[in-house]
Amino acid sequence: MSRRDRPIRSPSAGRDRPTRSPNAGWYRPEVTRPLTAGQVRDRRFATVRRGLDPVEVHAFLAQVAGELAAAHRELARTAEENVRIKRALRSWHSRFAPPAGSGPRRDGGRW
C-alpha cells in the first residue's frame, strides 16, 4: 500500500479522550463568563522587548469594547421586544381564541 493509498487518521485516533465534567458543561465557572465592554477596555498587557505596539493594541481593544457594548445593548433591546410581543400575543389569545375544550370533540363526546 502506497503512502497516498493509506486512510487518513486523525491525530487523536486511538487515544483516550478526556471525559466531560459531570455537569456536561452546563455551569460555567466565573472565569469563562462573557466579557463585558469594560473588561475589554481596561485590559492591560505586560510590555516586552519585541512585543506588539501598545497604542495599536489599546486602539483595537477600544474598538472591540465598543462593538461588544453595542451587541449587549442590541441583545437587551431584542429581549425587551420579545417580552412585549409575548405579552401582546397572550392578550390577543385571551380575547380571541376560544376557551380550551369548547370546540368540537374528536371522540364524538363519549369521553
N, C-alpha and C. Protein backbone atom coordinates (compact mmCIF):
# COMPACT_ATOMS: atom_id res chain seq x y z
N MET A 1 0.85 -1.17 0.00
CA MET A 1 0.00 0.00 0.00
C MET A 1 0.90 1.23 0.00
N SER A 2 0.67 2.09 -0.97
CA SER A 2 1.50 3.30 -1.05
C SER A 2 1.02 4.32 -0.02
N ARG A 3 1.84 5.31 0.20
CA ARG A 3 1.52 6.33 1.19
C ARG A 3 0.24 7.08 0.83
N ARG A 4 0.01 7.30 -0.46
CA ARG A 4 -1.18 8.02 -0.89
C ARG A 4 -2.43 7.20 -0.73
N ASP A 5 -2.32 5.86 -0.70
CA ASP A 5 -3.49 5.00 -0.60
C ASP A 5 -3.92 4.72 0.83
N ARG A 6 -3.09 5.09 1.80
CA ARG A 6 -3.44 4.83 3.19
C ARG A 6 -4.59 5.73 3.64
N PRO A 7 -5.46 5.21 4.50
CA PRO A 7 -6.53 6.07 5.02
C PRO A 7 -5.96 7.14 5.93
N ILE A 8 -6.59 8.28 5.93
CA ILE A 8 -6.15 9.40 6.76
C ILE A 8 -6.71 9.20 8.16
N ARG A 9 -5.84 9.29 9.15
CA ARG A 9 -6.27 9.15 10.54
C ARG A 9 -6.13 10.49 11.23
N SER A 10 -7.03 10.74 12.11
CA SER A 10 -6.92 11.98 12.87
C SER A 10 -5.81 11.83 13.89
N PRO A 11 -5.19 12.93 14.31
CA PRO A 11 -4.10 12.86 15.29
C PRO A 11 -4.53 12.23 16.61
N SER A 12 -5.80 12.32 16.95
CA SER A 12 -6.25 11.79 18.23
C SER A 12 -6.81 10.38 18.12
N ALA A 13 -6.76 9.79 16.93
CA ALA A 13 -7.32 8.45 16.75
C ALA A 13 -6.57 7.45 17.62
N GLY A 14 -7.31 6.61 18.31
CA GLY A 14 -6.71 5.58 19.13
C GLY A 14 -6.37 6.02 20.53
N ARG A 15 -6.44 7.32 20.82
CA ARG A 15 -6.14 7.81 22.16
C ARG A 15 -7.44 7.97 22.94
N ASP A 16 -7.31 7.82 24.24
CA ASP A 16 -8.48 8.04 25.08
C ASP A 16 -8.77 9.53 25.14
N ARG A 17 -10.00 9.86 24.96
CA ARG A 17 -10.40 11.27 25.04
C ARG A 17 -10.79 11.58 26.48
N PRO A 18 -10.53 12.80 26.93
CA PRO A 18 -10.92 13.14 28.30
C PRO A 18 -12.44 13.13 28.44
N THR A 19 -12.89 12.70 29.58
CA THR A 19 -14.32 12.67 29.80
C THR A 19 -14.80 14.06 30.17
N ARG A 20 -16.06 14.34 29.86
CA ARG A 20 -16.63 15.64 30.20
C ARG A 20 -16.96 15.68 31.68
N SER A 21 -17.06 16.86 32.19
CA SER A 21 -17.41 17.02 33.59
C SER A 21 -18.81 16.48 33.82
N PRO A 22 -19.15 16.11 35.04
CA PRO A 22 -20.47 15.54 35.32
C PRO A 22 -21.62 16.46 34.93
N ASN A 23 -21.41 17.75 34.96
CA ASN A 23 -22.49 18.66 34.59
C ASN A 23 -22.51 18.94 33.10
N ALA A 24 -21.67 18.26 32.34
CA ALA A 24 -21.62 18.37 30.87
C ALA A 24 -21.42 19.80 30.39
N GLY A 25 -20.80 20.63 31.20
CA GLY A 25 -20.50 21.99 30.77
C GLY A 25 -21.64 22.97 30.93
N TRP A 26 -22.71 22.59 31.61
CA TRP A 26 -23.86 23.49 31.73
C TRP A 26 -23.56 24.68 32.63
N TYR A 27 -22.78 24.49 33.67
CA TYR A 27 -22.48 25.57 34.60
C TYR A 27 -21.04 26.02 34.37
N ARG A 28 -20.89 27.24 33.92
CA ARG A 28 -19.56 27.73 33.62
C ARG A 28 -18.97 28.42 34.83
N PRO A 29 -17.67 28.21 35.06
CA PRO A 29 -17.04 28.94 36.15
C PRO A 29 -16.97 30.42 35.82
N GLU A 30 -16.77 31.21 36.83
CA GLU A 30 -16.79 32.66 36.66
C GLU A 30 -15.77 33.15 35.63
N VAL A 31 -14.63 32.48 35.52
CA VAL A 31 -13.59 32.96 34.59
C VAL A 31 -13.99 32.78 33.14
N THR A 32 -15.00 31.97 32.84
CA THR A 32 -15.40 31.76 31.45
C THR A 32 -16.70 32.46 31.10
N ARG A 33 -17.20 33.29 31.99
CA ARG A 33 -18.43 34.02 31.68
C ARG A 33 -18.13 35.08 30.62
N PRO A 34 -19.15 35.53 29.91
CA PRO A 34 -18.92 36.51 28.83
C PRO A 34 -18.24 37.78 29.34
N LEU A 35 -17.39 38.33 28.50
CA LEU A 35 -16.68 39.57 28.84
C LEU A 35 -17.62 40.75 28.75
N THR A 36 -17.34 41.73 29.55
CA THR A 36 -18.05 42.99 29.43
C THR A 36 -17.18 43.95 28.64
N ALA A 37 -17.79 45.00 28.13
CA ALA A 37 -17.03 46.01 27.38
C ALA A 37 -15.98 46.65 28.27
N GLY A 38 -16.30 46.88 29.53
CA GLY A 38 -15.35 47.48 30.45
C GLY A 38 -14.14 46.59 30.69
N GLN A 39 -14.36 45.27 30.78
CA GLN A 39 -13.24 44.36 30.96
C GLN A 39 -12.29 44.40 29.76
N VAL A 40 -12.86 44.48 28.57
CA VAL A 40 -12.02 44.55 27.37
C VAL A 40 -11.28 45.88 27.32
N ARG A 41 -12.01 46.95 27.59
CA ARG A 41 -11.41 48.29 27.51
C ARG A 41 -10.29 48.47 28.54
N ASP A 42 -10.45 47.91 29.73
CA ASP A 42 -9.49 48.12 30.81
C ASP A 42 -8.36 47.10 30.83
N ARG A 43 -8.37 46.13 29.96
CA ARG A 43 -7.35 45.07 29.96
C ARG A 43 -5.99 45.67 29.61
N ARG A 44 -4.97 45.31 30.37
CA ARG A 44 -3.61 45.78 30.12
C ARG A 44 -2.71 44.57 29.98
N PHE A 45 -1.66 44.71 29.18
CA PHE A 45 -0.72 43.63 28.93
C PHE A 45 0.68 44.07 29.31
N ALA A 46 1.51 43.11 29.67
CA ALA A 46 2.89 43.42 30.01
C ALA A 46 3.65 43.83 28.75
N THR A 47 4.55 44.77 28.91
CA THR A 47 5.38 45.22 27.80
C THR A 47 6.60 44.31 27.70
N VAL A 48 6.87 43.86 26.49
CA VAL A 48 8.03 43.01 26.26
C VAL A 48 8.93 43.66 25.21
N ARG A 49 10.12 43.16 25.11
CA ARG A 49 11.10 43.76 24.22
C ARG A 49 10.66 43.76 22.76
N ARG A 50 10.19 42.65 22.27
CA ARG A 50 9.76 42.56 20.87
C ARG A 50 8.26 42.32 20.78
N GLY A 51 7.50 43.03 21.56
CA GLY A 51 6.06 42.84 21.62
C GLY A 51 5.32 43.66 20.58
N LEU A 52 4.03 43.73 20.75
CA LEU A 52 3.17 44.50 19.86
C LEU A 52 3.17 45.96 20.26
N ASP A 53 2.78 46.81 19.35
CA ASP A 53 2.69 48.24 19.62
C ASP A 53 1.54 48.48 20.59
N PRO A 54 1.83 48.99 21.79
CA PRO A 54 0.77 49.18 22.78
C PRO A 54 -0.35 50.10 22.30
N VAL A 55 -0.03 51.10 21.50
CA VAL A 55 -1.06 52.01 21.00
C VAL A 55 -2.04 51.27 20.11
N GLU A 56 -1.52 50.42 19.23
CA GLU A 56 -2.40 49.64 18.35
C GLU A 56 -3.24 48.65 19.15
N VAL A 57 -2.63 48.01 20.14
CA VAL A 57 -3.36 47.05 20.97
C VAL A 57 -4.50 47.74 21.70
N HIS A 58 -4.22 48.88 22.32
CA HIS A 58 -5.26 49.59 23.06
C HIS A 58 -6.34 50.14 22.13
N ALA A 59 -5.96 50.57 20.93
CA ALA A 59 -6.96 51.04 19.96
C ALA A 59 -7.87 49.89 19.55
N PHE A 60 -7.29 48.72 19.32
CA PHE A 60 -8.09 47.56 18.95
C PHE A 60 -9.01 47.16 20.11
N LEU A 61 -8.48 47.14 21.34
CA LEU A 61 -9.30 46.79 22.49
C LEU A 61 -10.47 47.77 22.65
N ALA A 62 -10.22 49.05 22.40
CA ALA A 62 -11.29 50.04 22.49
C ALA A 62 -12.36 49.78 21.43
N GLN A 63 -11.93 49.40 20.22
CA GLN A 63 -12.88 49.09 19.16
C GLN A 63 -13.71 47.86 19.52
N VAL A 64 -13.05 46.81 20.00
CA VAL A 64 -13.75 45.59 20.39
C VAL A 64 -14.72 45.88 21.53
N ALA A 65 -14.29 46.68 22.50
CA ALA A 65 -15.16 47.03 23.63
C ALA A 65 -16.39 47.78 23.16
N GLY A 66 -16.22 48.69 22.21
CA GLY A 66 -17.37 49.42 21.67
C GLY A 66 -18.35 48.51 20.96
N GLU A 67 -17.83 47.58 20.17
CA GLU A 67 -18.70 46.65 19.46
C GLU A 67 -19.39 45.69 20.43
N LEU A 68 -18.68 45.29 21.47
CA LEU A 68 -19.26 44.41 22.48
C LEU A 68 -20.38 45.13 23.23
N ALA A 69 -20.16 46.39 23.58
CA ALA A 69 -21.19 47.17 24.26
C ALA A 69 -22.42 47.33 23.36
N ALA A 70 -22.19 47.57 22.08
CA ALA A 70 -23.32 47.69 21.14
C ALA A 70 -24.08 46.38 21.03
N ALA A 71 -23.37 45.27 21.02
CA ALA A 71 -24.03 43.96 20.94
C ALA A 71 -24.86 43.70 22.19
N HIS A 72 -24.33 44.07 23.36
CA HIS A 72 -25.09 43.90 24.61
C HIS A 72 -26.35 44.78 24.61
N ARG A 73 -26.23 46.01 24.11
CA ARG A 73 -27.41 46.89 24.03
C ARG A 73 -28.45 46.30 23.09
N GLU A 74 -28.01 45.80 21.95
CA GLU A 74 -28.94 45.22 20.98
C GLU A 74 -29.61 43.97 21.55
N LEU A 75 -28.85 43.17 22.28
CA LEU A 75 -29.41 41.97 22.91
C LEU A 75 -30.47 42.35 23.94
N ALA A 76 -30.21 43.36 24.74
CA ALA A 76 -31.18 43.82 25.73
C ALA A 76 -32.43 44.36 25.05
N ARG A 77 -32.25 45.13 23.97
CA ARG A 77 -33.39 45.68 23.23
C ARG A 77 -34.22 44.55 22.63
N THR A 78 -33.56 43.55 22.09
CA THR A 78 -34.27 42.42 21.50
C THR A 78 -35.03 41.63 22.56
N ALA A 79 -34.43 41.46 23.73
CA ALA A 79 -35.12 40.74 24.82
C ALA A 79 -36.36 41.51 25.26
N GLU A 80 -36.25 42.84 25.36
CA GLU A 80 -37.42 43.66 25.73
C GLU A 80 -38.51 43.55 24.67
N GLU A 81 -38.12 43.58 23.40
CA GLU A 81 -39.10 43.45 22.33
C GLU A 81 -39.77 42.08 22.37
N ASN A 82 -38.99 41.05 22.68
CA ASN A 82 -39.54 39.70 22.78
C ASN A 82 -40.59 39.63 23.87
N VAL A 83 -40.32 40.24 25.02
CA VAL A 83 -41.29 40.26 26.12
C VAL A 83 -42.55 40.99 25.69
N ARG A 84 -42.39 42.14 25.02
CA ARG A 84 -43.54 42.92 24.55
C ARG A 84 -44.40 42.11 23.58
N ILE A 85 -43.77 41.41 22.65
CA ILE A 85 -44.50 40.61 21.66
C ILE A 85 -45.23 39.46 22.35
N LYS A 86 -44.58 38.80 23.32
CA LYS A 86 -45.23 37.70 24.03
C LYS A 86 -46.45 38.19 24.80
N ARG A 87 -46.33 39.37 25.44
CA ARG A 87 -47.49 39.92 26.16
C ARG A 87 -48.63 40.23 25.19
N ALA A 88 -48.31 40.82 24.05
CA ALA A 88 -49.34 41.14 23.07
C ALA A 88 -50.01 39.87 22.55
N LEU A 89 -49.23 38.83 22.31
CA LEU A 89 -49.79 37.57 21.83
C LEU A 89 -50.71 36.95 22.89
N ARG A 90 -50.27 36.97 24.17
CA ARG A 90 -51.13 36.44 25.24
C ARG A 90 -52.44 37.23 25.32
N SER A 91 -52.34 38.54 25.22
CA SER A 91 -53.53 39.38 25.29
C SER A 91 -54.48 39.06 24.13
N TRP A 92 -53.93 38.97 22.92
CA TRP A 92 -54.77 38.66 21.77
C TRP A 92 -55.39 37.28 21.93
N HIS A 93 -54.60 36.32 22.38
CA HIS A 93 -55.09 34.96 22.53
C HIS A 93 -56.21 34.90 23.56
N SER A 94 -56.08 35.64 24.65
CA SER A 94 -57.12 35.59 25.68
C SER A 94 -58.40 36.26 25.21
N ARG A 95 -58.32 37.20 24.29
CA ARG A 95 -59.53 37.88 23.79
C ARG A 95 -60.20 37.15 22.64
N PHE A 96 -59.40 36.52 21.75
CA PHE A 96 -59.99 35.99 20.52
C PHE A 96 -59.99 34.47 20.38
N ALA A 97 -59.15 33.78 21.09
CA ALA A 97 -59.10 32.32 20.96
C ALA A 97 -60.22 31.71 21.78
N PRO A 98 -60.85 30.66 21.26
CA PRO A 98 -61.91 30.01 22.03
C PRO A 98 -61.32 29.34 23.26
N PRO A 99 -62.09 29.27 24.34
CA PRO A 99 -61.59 28.61 25.54
C PRO A 99 -61.26 27.15 25.27
N ALA A 100 -60.31 26.63 25.99
CA ALA A 100 -59.90 25.23 25.81
C ALA A 100 -61.08 24.32 26.10
N GLY A 101 -61.28 23.35 25.25
CA GLY A 101 -62.35 22.37 25.45
C GLY A 101 -63.70 22.80 24.93
N SER A 102 -63.81 23.99 24.31
CA SER A 102 -65.12 24.45 23.84
C SER A 102 -65.39 24.04 22.40
N GLY A 103 -64.39 23.54 21.70
CA GLY A 103 -64.57 23.16 20.30
C GLY A 103 -65.15 21.76 20.17
N PRO A 104 -65.43 21.35 18.93
CA PRO A 104 -65.96 20.00 18.72
C PRO A 104 -64.95 18.96 19.16
N ARG A 105 -65.46 17.88 19.73
CA ARG A 105 -64.58 16.82 20.23
C ARG A 105 -64.41 15.78 19.16
N ARG A 106 -63.21 15.26 19.06
CA ARG A 106 -62.90 14.26 18.03
C ARG A 106 -63.44 12.89 18.38
N ASP A 107 -63.71 12.63 19.65
CA ASP A 107 -64.14 11.31 20.03
C ASP A 107 -65.66 11.18 20.07
N GLY A 108 -66.37 12.17 19.53
CA GLY A 108 -67.82 12.11 19.48
C GLY A 108 -68.47 12.44 20.81
N GLY A 109 -67.74 12.93 21.77
CA GLY A 109 -68.30 13.34 23.04
C GLY A 109 -68.54 12.20 24.01
N ARG A 110 -68.00 11.05 23.75
CA ARG A 110 -68.23 9.90 24.62
C ARG A 110 -67.36 9.93 25.86
N TRP A 111 -66.26 10.59 25.85
CA TRP A 111 -65.34 10.52 26.99
C TRP A 111 -65.37 11.79 27.71
